[in-house]
């Protein structure tokens, strides 16, 4: 095969190749010879041949290209090595650690944590935490918070909490209790928990208060402890409609393990004689009792009640009437009450148990009000023995509103004109409403000319009183009746549904001293 030469025209930026194929004749005469090709081309006024050396084609054609090629050839040698990079990173960390130590932060737990490269960025984080109210001590309690970026972590989380309604004034305490929230993702970690809480009938308006009271809930798994504790409560008889209110008032329930905390307490109360359904009603009314430590507090207080002569059969009613008695520091309170009453009315130690059985809230009464009430009874003309008998028979006389007691006593003295012994026999007279009960019943009894005790006249329902007004004679048993004791069955009856409000959140108040005011 024969190939004619191709010619090229020298023209900048233009390439022309002319190819002349071999004729069939020449192919037939030249069998066995390979196809030969010579190529001439012109590029930018410079002639190149297919036979030109390869090194000529790669050679730079200008001084600028030469410099660029030189820099590229040297770049492999100017880049820092991995060892040098590690040394620089270590030096940066040393500078950051020096800054932290300088402000009082111990960085020992930060090894291995991704930290800012410069002390200036770290200072920005520390200053931001200070603005939130956290002290150096708070940061040292959880130094890992320094691994959170202000813009990427802290600001988005705090903005989200603020939009939910969490008050800025609570941010400091919120972060002290649960600083891990700053590591969380709003979309992945926080929003699903909030949605789950609303699914438990916690109203949206109550969610921020729940988070303020128990921020740790943001770190719980949705299908873990939270779901099992709710399921157990419903299983023992807690009304499903009450769950939202329980969790709103005492969200700590969501973090309690059923097998270790809730179930043992429920079973212990059952063992004392409180039916499971009654326990469920107590939890609905006072969910915080689930937080009482069983071994160190509840059992110890029950033993204390026994020591102070509370009879075994009355323990269930004592606890049912005043569940808080299981969680307070009981023994010092009872010793102080016994000492006070022994001095004021010469109370015998064995009588203290009877007093507690009738009014368990007595254990939390303050000294000053009790002294004031005892003084009032003595001013009314009752002897120490009579006063003691009244206190044992109706401990409520130590806690009632003194102004109302004075009005009742004045009516008793001037209008009813009964002997003081009638009040000694029935001190519960002071617990009845003067205008609503005492006056109208006394007038009817007086009009009919019936001679009866205060207990016969007052210690009954309106329906029963109407029946008694139709009697010709008074039943002796009814005359000797005493105030009814606590009925456990009333506790197990479902409560009437109250009108729903916008919020079910209630602060727990220590108002035992005012319960009978």
Protein backbone atom coordinates (compact mmCIF):
# COMPACT_ATOMS: atom_id res chain seq x y z
CA UNK A 1 0.00 0.00 0.00
CA UNK A 2 1.23 3.40 -0.93
CA UNK A 3 0.20 6.64 0.71
CA UNK A 4 0.77 9.99 -0.85
CA UNK A 5 2.11 12.74 1.34
CA UNK A 6 -0.33 15.10 3.01
CA UNK A 7 0.43 18.76 2.99
CA UNK A 8 -0.42 21.23 5.75
CA UNK A 9 -0.83 24.96 5.59
CA UNK A 10 0.73 27.03 8.25
CA UNK A 11 -2.07 29.12 9.77
CA UNK A 12 -2.55 30.06 13.40
CA UNK A 13 -5.28 28.10 15.12
CA UNK A 14 -6.11 26.13 11.97
CA UNK A 15 -5.38 22.48 11.28
CA UNK A 16 -5.70 20.89 7.89
CA UNK A 17 -4.90 17.31 7.07
CA UNK A 18 -5.13 16.02 3.51
CA UNK A 19 -5.34 12.29 3.13
CA UNK A 20 -4.84 10.52 -0.19
CA UNK A 21 -5.98 6.90 -0.07
CA UNK A 22 -3.95 4.33 -2.02
CA UNK A 23 -5.26 3.08 -5.35
CA UNK A 24 -6.54 -0.46 -5.82
CA UNK A 25 -3.74 -1.02 -8.30
CA UNK A 26 -1.02 -0.16 -5.92
CA UNK A 27 -2.71 -2.34 -3.26
CA UNK A 28 -2.72 -5.32 -5.54
CA UNK A 29 0.93 -4.95 -6.40
CA UNK A 30 2.16 -4.30 -2.88
CA UNK A 31 0.55 -7.08 -0.86
CA UNK A 32 2.19 -7.80 2.41
CA UNK A 33 3.24 -4.24 3.00
CA UNK A 34 1.64 -2.39 5.87
CA UNK A 35 -0.33 0.77 5.54
CA UNK A 36 2.10 3.68 5.81
CA UNK A 37 1.09 7.18 6.75
CA UNK A 38 3.00 10.40 6.92
CA UNK A 39 1.25 13.34 8.44
CA UNK A 40 2.20 16.98 8.27
CA UNK A 41 0.20 19.50 10.16
CA UNK A 42 0.47 23.13 11.06
CA UNK A 43 -0.72 24.51 14.39
CA UNK A 44 -0.29 28.15 15.32
CA UNK A 45 2.49 28.72 12.74
CA UNK A 46 4.55 25.79 14.00
CA UNK A 47 5.15 22.66 12.01
CA UNK A 48 4.75 19.30 13.61
CA UNK A 49 5.33 15.92 12.13
CA UNK A 50 4.01 12.57 13.16
CA UNK A 51 7.60 11.57 13.52
CA UNK A 52 8.39 14.39 15.99
CA UNK A 53 9.71 13.33 19.39
CA UNK A 54 7.06 13.09 22.18
CA UNK A 55 9.05 15.37 24.50
CA UNK A 56 8.72 18.24 22.08
CA UNK A 57 4.93 18.11 22.22
CA UNK A 58 4.89 18.38 26.06
CA UNK A 59 7.43 21.16 26.32
CA UNK A 60 5.99 24.53 27.50
CA UNK A 61 5.77 27.07 24.77
CA UNK A 62 5.97 30.24 26.95
CA UNK A 63 7.70 31.54 30.13
CA UNK A 64 4.34 31.57 32.00
CA UNK A 65 3.78 27.92 31.18
CA UNK A 66 7.27 27.13 32.33
CA UNK A 67 6.66 28.79 35.71
CA UNK A 68 3.36 26.95 36.12
CA UNK A 69 4.96 23.64 35.30
CA UNK A 70 7.74 24.38 37.76
CA UNK A 71 5.29 25.18 40.56
CA UNK A 72 3.30 22.01 39.86
CA UNK A 73 6.45 19.93 39.93
CA UNK A 74 7.43 21.43 43.29
CA UNK A 75 3.92 21.20 44.90
CA UNK A 76 4.41 17.60 45.87
CA UNK A 77 7.28 18.66 48.03
CA UNK A 78 5.76 21.84 49.54
CA UNK A 79 2.56 20.17 51.02
CA UNK A 80 2.82 19.46 54.78
CA UNK A 81 3.15 15.86 55.74
CA UNK A 82 0.61 14.04 57.91
CA UNK A 83 3.04 14.19 60.80
CA UNK A 84 3.34 17.96 60.48
CA UNK A 85 -0.45 18.32 60.34
CA UNK A 86 -0.84 16.30 63.53
CA UNK A 87 1.81 18.43 65.22
CA UNK A 88 -0.04 21.61 64.24
CA UNK A 89 -3.37 20.18 65.44
CA UNK A 90 -1.80 19.23 68.78
CA UNK A 91 -0.31 22.72 69.13
CA UNK A 92 -3.74 24.26 68.50
CA UNK A 93 -5.34 22.03 71.13
CA UNK A 94 -2.64 23.02 73.63
CA UNK A 95 -3.45 26.68 73.05
CA UNK A 96 -7.20 26.00 73.50
CA UNK A 97 -6.53 24.02 76.67
CA UNK A 98 -4.36 26.84 78.04
CA UNK A 99 -7.23 29.27 77.46
CA UNK A 100 -9.72 26.97 79.23
CA UNK A 101 -7.43 26.49 82.21
CA UNK A 102 -6.96 30.23 82.34
CA UNK A 103 -10.69 30.77 82.91
CA UNK A 104 -10.97 27.90 85.40
CA UNK A 105 -12.26 25.10 83.17
CA UNK A 106 -10.67 21.67 83.54
CA UNK A 107 -10.26 20.21 80.01
CA UNK A 108 -9.23 16.69 81.04
CA UNK A 109 -12.45 15.11 79.70
CA UNK A 110 -12.17 16.83 76.31
CA UNK A 111 -9.48 14.58 74.86
CA UNK A 112 -10.79 13.04 71.66
CA UNK A 113 -13.60 15.61 71.34
CA UNK A 114 -13.66 17.82 68.26
CA UNK A 115 -12.86 21.32 69.49
CA UNK A 116 -12.38 24.74 67.86
CA UNK A 117 -8.99 25.31 66.26
CA UNK A 118 -8.39 28.66 67.91
CA UNK A 119 -8.91 29.97 71.45
CA UNK A 120 -11.03 32.82 70.03
CA UNK A 121 -13.73 30.42 68.85
CA UNK A 122 -13.64 28.58 72.16
CA UNK A 123 -13.96 31.91 73.98
CA UNK A 124 -17.09 32.59 71.92
CA UNK A 125 -18.64 29.35 73.20
CA UNK A 126 -17.73 30.03 76.81
CA UNK A 127 -19.09 33.58 76.61
CA UNK A 128 -22.35 32.31 75.10
CA UNK A 129 -22.80 29.79 77.90
CA UNK A 130 -22.15 32.56 80.42
CA UNK A 131 -24.92 34.64 78.80
CA UNK A 132 -27.27 31.70 79.36
CA UNK A 133 -26.46 31.88 83.06
CA UNK A 134 -24.13 28.89 83.29
CA UNK A 135 -21.12 29.29 85.55
CA UNK A 136 -17.65 27.81 85.28
CA UNK A 137 -18.74 25.22 87.84
CA UNK A 138 -21.70 24.29 85.64
CA UNK A 139 -19.42 23.85 82.64
CA UNK A 140 -17.00 21.73 84.68
CA UNK A 141 -19.91 19.52 85.69
CA UNK A 142 -20.48 18.77 82.00
CA UNK A 143 -17.45 19.98 79.99
CA UNK A 144 -18.62 18.11 76.87
CA UNK A 145 -20.93 21.06 76.24
CA UNK A 146 -17.87 22.86 74.89
CA UNK A 147 -18.02 20.53 71.89
CA UNK A 148 -21.26 22.21 70.76
CA UNK A 149 -21.09 24.91 68.13
CA UNK A 150 -22.92 28.11 68.99
CA UNK A 151 -24.44 28.51 65.52
CA UNK A 152 -24.94 24.87 64.59
CA UNK A 153 -26.03 23.42 67.93
CA UNK A 154 -26.86 25.86 70.71
CA UNK A 155 -28.85 28.53 68.88
CA UNK A 156 -31.13 26.11 66.93
CA UNK A 157 -31.96 24.10 70.07
CA UNK A 158 -32.69 27.16 72.21
CA UNK A 159 -34.74 28.74 69.43
CA UNK A 160 -36.84 25.59 69.20
CA UNK A 161 -37.44 25.48 72.95
CA UNK A 162 -38.40 29.14 72.91
CA UNK A 163 -40.89 28.60 70.10
CA UNK A 164 -42.48 25.76 72.09
CA UNK A 165 -43.05 28.17 74.96
CA UNK A 166 -40.23 27.27 77.33
CA UNK A 167 -39.52 30.48 79.23
CA UNK A 168 -36.09 32.05 78.78
CA UNK A 169 -35.95 32.60 82.51
CA UNK A 170 -35.84 28.81 82.94
CA UNK A 171 -33.06 28.16 80.39
CA UNK A 172 -30.32 28.26 83.01
CA UNK A 173 -31.86 25.62 85.26
CA UNK A 174 -32.98 23.68 82.19
CA UNK A 175 -29.38 23.40 80.92
CA UNK A 176 -27.98 22.66 84.36
CA UNK A 177 -30.26 19.66 84.64
CA UNK A 178 -29.98 18.46 81.07
CA UNK A 179 -27.04 20.05 79.19
CA UNK A 180 -27.06 17.12 76.75
CA UNK A 181 -29.95 18.83 74.97
CA UNK A 182 -27.42 21.09 73.22
CA UNK A 183 -26.05 18.05 71.39
CA UNK A 184 -29.50 17.12 70.09
CA UNK A 185 -30.96 17.54 66.63
CA UNK A 186 -34.20 19.48 66.61
CA UNK A 187 -35.72 17.42 63.81
CA UNK A 188 -34.38 13.98 64.72
CA UNK A 189 -34.30 14.09 68.53
CA UNK A 190 -36.49 16.83 70.02
CA UNK A 191 -39.53 17.23 67.76
CA UNK A 192 -40.49 13.50 67.91
CA UNK A 193 -40.49 13.56 71.73
CA UNK A 194 -42.71 16.64 71.81
CA UNK A 195 -45.11 14.99 69.38
CA UNK A 196 -45.14 11.84 71.53
CA UNK A 197 -45.97 13.84 74.66
CA UNK A 198 -48.91 15.43 72.91
CA UNK A 199 -50.03 11.95 71.91
CA UNK A 200 -50.23 11.11 75.64
CA UNK A 201 -52.93 13.78 76.02
CA UNK A 202 -50.58 16.44 77.33
CA UNK A 203 -52.05 19.62 75.92
CA UNK A 204 -49.75 21.74 73.70
CA UNK A 205 -50.07 24.64 76.13
CA UNK A 206 -48.77 22.37 78.94
CA UNK A 207 -45.80 20.89 77.05
CA UNK A 208 -43.41 23.78 77.87
CA UNK A 209 -44.17 23.49 81.60
CA UNK A 210 -43.61 19.74 81.42
CA UNK A 211 -40.21 20.29 79.76
CA UNK A 212 -39.27 22.94 82.31
CA UNK A 213 -40.09 20.61 85.18
CA UNK A 214 -38.51 17.51 83.69
CA UNK A 215 -36.11 18.38 80.82
CA UNK A 216 -34.56 14.91 80.95
CA UNK A 217 -37.63 13.59 79.11
CA UNK A 218 -36.12 14.93 75.87
CA UNK A 219 -33.48 12.22 76.05
CA UNK A 220 -35.80 9.23 76.45
CA UNK A 221 -36.56 6.69 73.76
CA UNK A 222 -40.15 6.83 72.62
CA UNK A 223 -40.82 3.11 72.90
CA UNK A 224 -38.82 2.56 76.06
CA UNK A 225 -39.55 3.52 79.65
CA UNK A 226 -42.16 6.15 78.74
CA UNK A 227 -44.53 3.75 77.02
CA UNK A 228 -44.18 0.94 79.59
CA UNK A 229 -44.86 3.17 82.61
CA UNK A 230 -48.03 4.56 81.04
CA UNK A 231 -49.21 1.09 80.04
CA UNK A 232 -48.72 -0.22 83.59
CA UNK A 233 -50.67 2.62 85.17
CA UNK A 234 -53.59 2.03 82.85
CA UNK A 235 -53.34 -1.68 83.64
CA UNK A 236 -53.84 -1.19 87.40
CA UNK A 237 -56.93 0.93 86.89
CA UNK A 238 -55.76 4.49 86.27
CA UNK A 239 -58.33 6.05 83.94
CA UNK A 240 -56.94 6.61 80.45
CA UNK A 241 -58.41 10.11 80.38
CA UNK A 242 -56.39 10.96 83.52
CA UNK A 243 -53.00 10.08 82.02
CA UNK A 244 -52.49 13.51 80.45
CA UNK A 245 -53.18 15.26 83.75
CA UNK A 246 -50.92 12.89 85.69
CA UNK A 247 -48.00 13.42 83.33
CA UNK A 248 -48.59 17.16 83.24
CA UNK A 249 -48.44 17.47 87.03
CA UNK A 250 -45.71 14.86 87.55
CA UNK A 251 -43.83 14.10 84.29
CA UNK A 252 -41.14 12.25 86.24
CA UNK A 253 -43.42 9.21 85.87
CA UNK A 254 -42.18 8.91 82.28
CA UNK A 255 -38.68 8.13 83.52
CA UNK A 256 -39.64 5.57 86.15
CA UNK A 257 -38.98 1.92 85.51
CA UNK A 258 -42.02 -0.22 86.16
CA UNK A 259 -40.22 -3.25 87.59
CA UNK A 260 -37.91 -1.27 89.88
CA UNK A 261 -40.04 1.66 91.01
CA UNK A 262 -43.76 1.72 90.25
CA UNK A 263 -44.76 -1.91 90.61
CA UNK A 264 -43.00 -2.54 93.97
CA UNK A 265 -44.71 0.50 95.52
CA UNK A 266 -48.14 -0.51 94.23
CA UNK A 267 -47.72 -4.06 95.52
CA UNK A 268 -46.51 -2.84 98.93
CA UNK A 269 -49.58 -0.62 99.35
CA UNK A 270 -51.79 -3.54 98.35
CA UNK A 271 -50.07 -5.61 101.01
CA UNK A 272 -50.99 -3.03 103.65
CA UNK A 273 -54.65 -3.45 102.74
CA UNK A 274 -55.28 -0.73 100.15
CA UNK A 275 -57.08 -2.21 97.12
CA UNK A 276 -55.30 -1.83 93.78
CA UNK A 277 -58.10 0.32 92.39
CA UNK A 278 -57.81 2.62 95.41
CA UNK A 279 -54.07 2.90 94.73
CA UNK A 280 -54.91 3.88 91.16
CA UNK A 281 -57.20 6.64 92.44
CA UNK A 282 -54.48 7.89 94.78
CA UNK A 283 -52.08 8.09 91.84
CA UNK A 284 -54.65 10.05 89.83
CA UNK A 285 -54.99 12.59 92.65
CA UNK A 286 -51.40 12.62 93.93
CA UNK A 287 -49.11 11.25 91.19
CA UNK A 288 -46.04 12.50 93.06
CA UNK A 289 -46.40 9.63 95.55
CA UNK A 290 -44.78 7.44 92.88
CA UNK A 291 -41.58 9.32 93.59
CA UNK A 292 -41.45 8.26 97.24
CA UNK A 293 -38.51 5.93 97.83
CA UNK A 294 -39.96 2.62 98.95
CA UNK A 295 -37.32 1.12 101.25
CA UNK A 296 -35.77 4.22 102.80
CA UNK A 297 -38.92 6.34 103.14
CA UNK A 298 -42.27 4.59 102.72
CA UNK A 299 -41.53 1.44 104.71
CA UNK A 300 -39.69 3.41 107.37
CA UNK A 301 -42.64 5.78 107.84
CA UNK A 302 -45.11 2.91 108.11
CA UNK A 303 -42.97 1.45 110.89
CA UNK A 304 -42.94 4.87 112.58
CA UNK A 305 -46.75 4.96 112.55
CA UNK A 306 -46.79 1.61 114.27
CA UNK A 307 -44.32 2.89 116.87
CA UNK A 308 -46.66 5.79 117.63
CA UNK A 309 -49.58 3.44 118.33
CA UNK A 310 -51.44 3.61 115.02
CA UNK A 311 -53.33 0.33 114.85
CA UNK A 312 -52.60 -2.05 111.98
CA UNK A 313 -56.15 -2.02 110.67
CA UNK A 314 -56.09 1.78 110.38
CA UNK A 315 -52.87 2.03 108.36
CA UNK A 316 -54.70 1.77 104.98
CA UNK A 317 -57.13 4.59 105.85
CA UNK A 318 -54.34 6.78 107.25
CA UNK A 319 -52.39 6.49 104.00
CA UNK A 320 -55.47 6.82 101.81
CA UNK A 321 -56.54 10.02 103.60
CA UNK A 322 -53.07 11.57 103.54
CA UNK A 323 -50.71 9.86 101.03
CA UNK A 324 -47.99 12.44 101.71
CA UNK A 325 -47.46 10.82 105.10
CA UNK A 326 -45.46 8.14 103.25
CA UNK A 327 -42.89 10.60 101.91
CA UNK A 328 -42.22 13.13 104.66
CA UNK A 329 -39.59 12.93 107.40
CA UNK A 330 -42.19 11.54 109.75
CA UNK A 331 -40.51 10.53 112.98
CA UNK A 332 -39.13 13.97 113.98
CA UNK A 333 -42.53 15.52 113.22
CA UNK A 334 -44.41 13.07 115.40
CA UNK A 335 -41.93 13.44 118.24
CA UNK A 336 -42.37 17.23 118.11
CA UNK A 337 -46.18 16.95 118.06
CA UNK A 338 -46.20 14.53 120.96
CA UNK A 339 -43.99 16.80 123.01
CA UNK A 340 -46.17 19.85 122.29
CA UNK A 341 -49.50 18.20 123.13
CA UNK A 342 -48.06 16.53 126.17
CA UNK A 343 -47.12 19.95 127.47
CA UNK A 344 -50.26 21.84 126.36
CA UNK A 345 -53.05 19.38 127.17
CA UNK A 346 -51.24 16.56 128.99
CA UNK A 347 -51.81 14.13 126.12
CA UNK A 348 -50.83 10.55 126.88
CA UNK A 349 -48.38 9.05 124.35
CA UNK A 350 -50.72 6.14 123.65
CA UNK A 351 -53.49 8.56 122.62
CA UNK A 352 -51.40 10.03 119.81
CA UNK A 353 -52.15 7.00 117.62
CA UNK A 354 -55.92 7.58 117.90
CA UNK A 355 -55.42 11.20 116.98
CA UNK A 356 -53.45 10.25 113.84
CA UNK A 357 -56.07 7.68 112.86
CA UNK A 358 -58.80 10.33 112.89
CA UNK A 359 -56.77 13.04 111.12
CA UNK A 360 -53.45 11.96 109.55
CA UNK A 361 -52.82 15.54 108.34
CA UNK A 362 -52.24 16.41 111.98
CA UNK A 363 -48.61 15.30 111.62
CA UNK A 364 -47.90 18.31 109.37
CA UNK A 365 -49.60 21.01 111.45
CA UNK A 366 -47.37 23.83 112.63
CA UNK A 367 -46.84 24.49 116.32
CA UNK A 368 -48.15 28.08 116.39
CA UNK A 369 -51.64 27.34 114.98
CA UNK A 370 -52.11 24.40 117.34
CA UNK A 371 -51.16 26.47 120.37
CA UNK A 372 -53.55 29.21 119.20
CA UNK A 373 -56.48 26.77 118.84
CA UNK A 374 -55.83 25.15 122.20
CA UNK A 375 -55.80 28.61 123.75
CA UNK A 376 -59.15 29.42 122.12
CA UNK A 377 -60.79 26.29 123.56
CA UNK A 378 -59.51 27.14 127.03
CA UNK A 379 -60.87 30.67 126.65
CA UNK A 380 -64.28 29.18 125.87
CA UNK A 381 -64.26 27.65 129.34
CA UNK A 382 -63.11 24.09 128.65
CA UNK A 383 -60.79 22.50 131.18
CA UNK A 384 -57.53 20.84 130.18
CA UNK A 385 -59.19 17.42 130.46
CA UNK A 386 -62.12 18.54 128.30
CA UNK A 387 -59.81 20.15 125.77
CA UNK A 388 -57.74 16.98 125.57
CA UNK A 389 -60.88 14.91 125.04
CA UNK A 390 -62.03 17.25 122.25
CA UNK A 391 -58.66 17.17 120.50
CA UNK A 392 -58.52 13.37 120.59
CA UNK A 393 -62.12 13.04 119.45
CA UNK A 394 -61.86 15.60 116.66
CA UNK A 395 -58.29 16.70 115.84
CA UNK A 396 -59.71 19.08 113.20
CA UNK A 397 -60.34 21.60 116.03
CA UNK A 398 -56.57 22.21 115.90
CA UNK A 399 -56.70 23.34 112.28
CA UNK A 400 -60.07 25.02 111.61
CA UNK A 401 -60.48 28.70 110.92
CA UNK A 402 -60.56 30.36 114.32
CA UNK A 403 -62.86 33.16 113.15
CA UNK A 404 -65.48 30.64 112.03
CA UNK A 405 -65.07 28.66 115.24
CA UNK A 406 -65.77 31.81 117.27
CA UNK A 407 -68.99 32.50 115.34
CA UNK A 408 -70.16 28.91 115.81
CA UNK A 409 -69.40 28.98 119.51
CA UNK A 410 -71.24 32.29 119.97
CA UNK A 411 -74.35 30.83 118.30
CA UNK A 412 -74.04 27.66 120.40
CA UNK A 413 -73.79 29.70 123.58
CA UNK A 414 -76.43 32.39 122.94
CA UNK A 415 -79.03 30.72 120.71
CA UNK A 416 -78.72 26.99 121.37
CA UNK A 417 -77.99 27.46 125.07
CA UNK A 418 -76.57 24.01 125.53
CA UNK A 419 -74.04 22.93 128.17
CA UNK A 420 -70.33 22.87 127.21
CA UNK A 421 -70.31 19.14 127.74
CA UNK A 422 -72.35 18.76 124.54
CA UNK A 423 -69.36 20.17 122.61
CA UNK A 424 -66.99 17.91 124.54
CA UNK A 425 -69.12 14.93 123.51
CA UNK A 426 -69.35 16.12 119.89
CA UNK A 427 -66.44 18.49 119.05
CA UNK A 428 -67.11 17.91 115.33
CA UNK A 429 -69.83 20.56 115.79
CA UNK A 430 -67.20 23.12 114.74
CA UNK A 431 -66.70 21.39 111.38
CA UNK A 432 -70.26 22.02 110.17
CA UNK A 433 -71.26 25.17 108.31
CA UNK A 434 -73.06 27.57 110.62
CA UNK A 435 -75.40 29.11 108.03
CA UNK A 436 -75.82 26.05 105.81
CA UNK A 437 -76.33 23.34 108.43
CA UNK A 438 -76.27 24.30 112.11
CA UNK A 439 -78.78 27.15 112.13
CA UNK A 440 -81.49 25.61 109.92
CA UNK A 441 -81.37 22.24 111.65
CA UNK A 442 -81.38 23.74 115.12
CA UNK A 443 -84.42 25.85 114.29
CA UNK A 444 -86.35 22.83 113.04
CA UNK A 445 -85.40 20.71 116.05
CA UNK A 446 -86.28 23.53 118.44
CA UNK A 447 -89.60 24.18 116.68
CA UNK A 448 -90.55 20.51 116.94
CA UNK A 449 -89.49 20.40 120.57
CA UNK A 450 -87.09 17.49 120.15
CA UNK A 451 -84.43 16.97 122.79
CA UNK A 452 -81.47 15.46 121.02
CA UNK A 453 -77.70 15.41 121.01
CA UNK A 454 -75.59 17.44 118.62
CA UNK A 455 -74.50 14.22 116.94
CA UNK A 456 -78.12 13.18 116.27
CA UNK A 457 -78.88 16.57 114.78
CA UNK A 458 -75.75 17.08 112.67
CA UNK A 459 -74.07 13.77 111.91
CA UNK A 460 -76.30 12.73 109.01
CA UNK A 461 -77.17 13.64 105.45
CA UNK A 462 -80.01 16.01 104.57
CA UNK A 463 -82.14 13.06 103.51
CA UNK A 464 -81.52 11.27 106.80
CA UNK A 465 -82.27 14.42 108.76
CA UNK A 466 -85.64 14.75 107.03
CA UNK A 467 -86.42 11.18 108.06
CA UNK A 468 -85.47 11.93 111.64
CA UNK A 469 -87.78 14.93 111.66
CA UNK A 470 -90.68 12.55 111.01
CA UNK A 471 -89.84 10.37 114.04
CA UNK A 472 -92.03 10.46 117.12
CA UNK A 473 -89.20 9.19 119.27
CA UNK A 474 -85.40 9.18 119.00
CA UNK A 475 -83.57 5.91 118.43
CA UNK A 476 -81.01 5.34 121.17
CA UNK A 477 -78.47 3.96 118.70
CA UNK A 478 -78.73 7.12 116.65
CA UNK A 479 -78.23 9.25 119.74
CA UNK A 480 -74.98 7.48 120.49
CA UNK A 481 -73.69 7.54 116.96
CA UNK A 482 -70.29 9.06 116.32
CA UNK A 483 -68.82 10.79 113.28
CA UNK A 484 -68.35 8.34 110.44
CA UNK A 485 -64.80 7.15 109.83
CA UNK A 486 -63.09 7.17 106.45
CA UNK A 487 -64.74 4.84 103.94
CA UNK A 488 -62.25 3.25 101.53
CA UNK A 489 -64.99 2.42 99.04
CA UNK A 490 -65.59 6.11 98.39
CA UNK A 491 -62.02 6.41 97.15
CA UNK A 492 -62.51 3.73 94.50
CA UNK A 493 -65.52 5.38 92.93
CA UNK A 494 -64.72 7.22 89.69
CA UNK A 495 -64.82 10.95 90.02
CA UNK A 496 -67.17 13.09 88.03
CA UNK A 497 -65.62 14.50 84.90
CA UNK A 498 -64.94 18.16 85.39
CA UNK A 499 -65.14 20.76 82.68
CA UNK A 500 -61.87 20.80 80.78
CA UNK A 501 -59.71 23.87 80.97
CA UNK A 502 -57.05 25.13 78.58
CA UNK A 503 -54.35 23.83 80.88
CA UNK A 504 -54.17 21.08 83.46
CA UNK A 505 -50.83 22.18 84.79
CA UNK A 506 -50.87 22.71 88.54
CA UNK A 507 -47.98 23.54 90.78
CA UNK A 508 -47.78 21.19 93.74
CA UNK A 509 -48.48 23.30 96.81
CA UNK A 510 -47.71 22.48 100.38
CA UNK A 511 -51.12 23.47 101.71
CA UNK A 512 -51.75 20.80 104.31
CA UNK A 513 -51.93 23.40 107.08
CA UNK A 514 -54.79 25.15 105.24
CA UNK A 515 -56.81 22.08 104.41
CA UNK A 516 -59.29 22.68 107.19
CA UNK A 517 -59.12 26.46 107.24
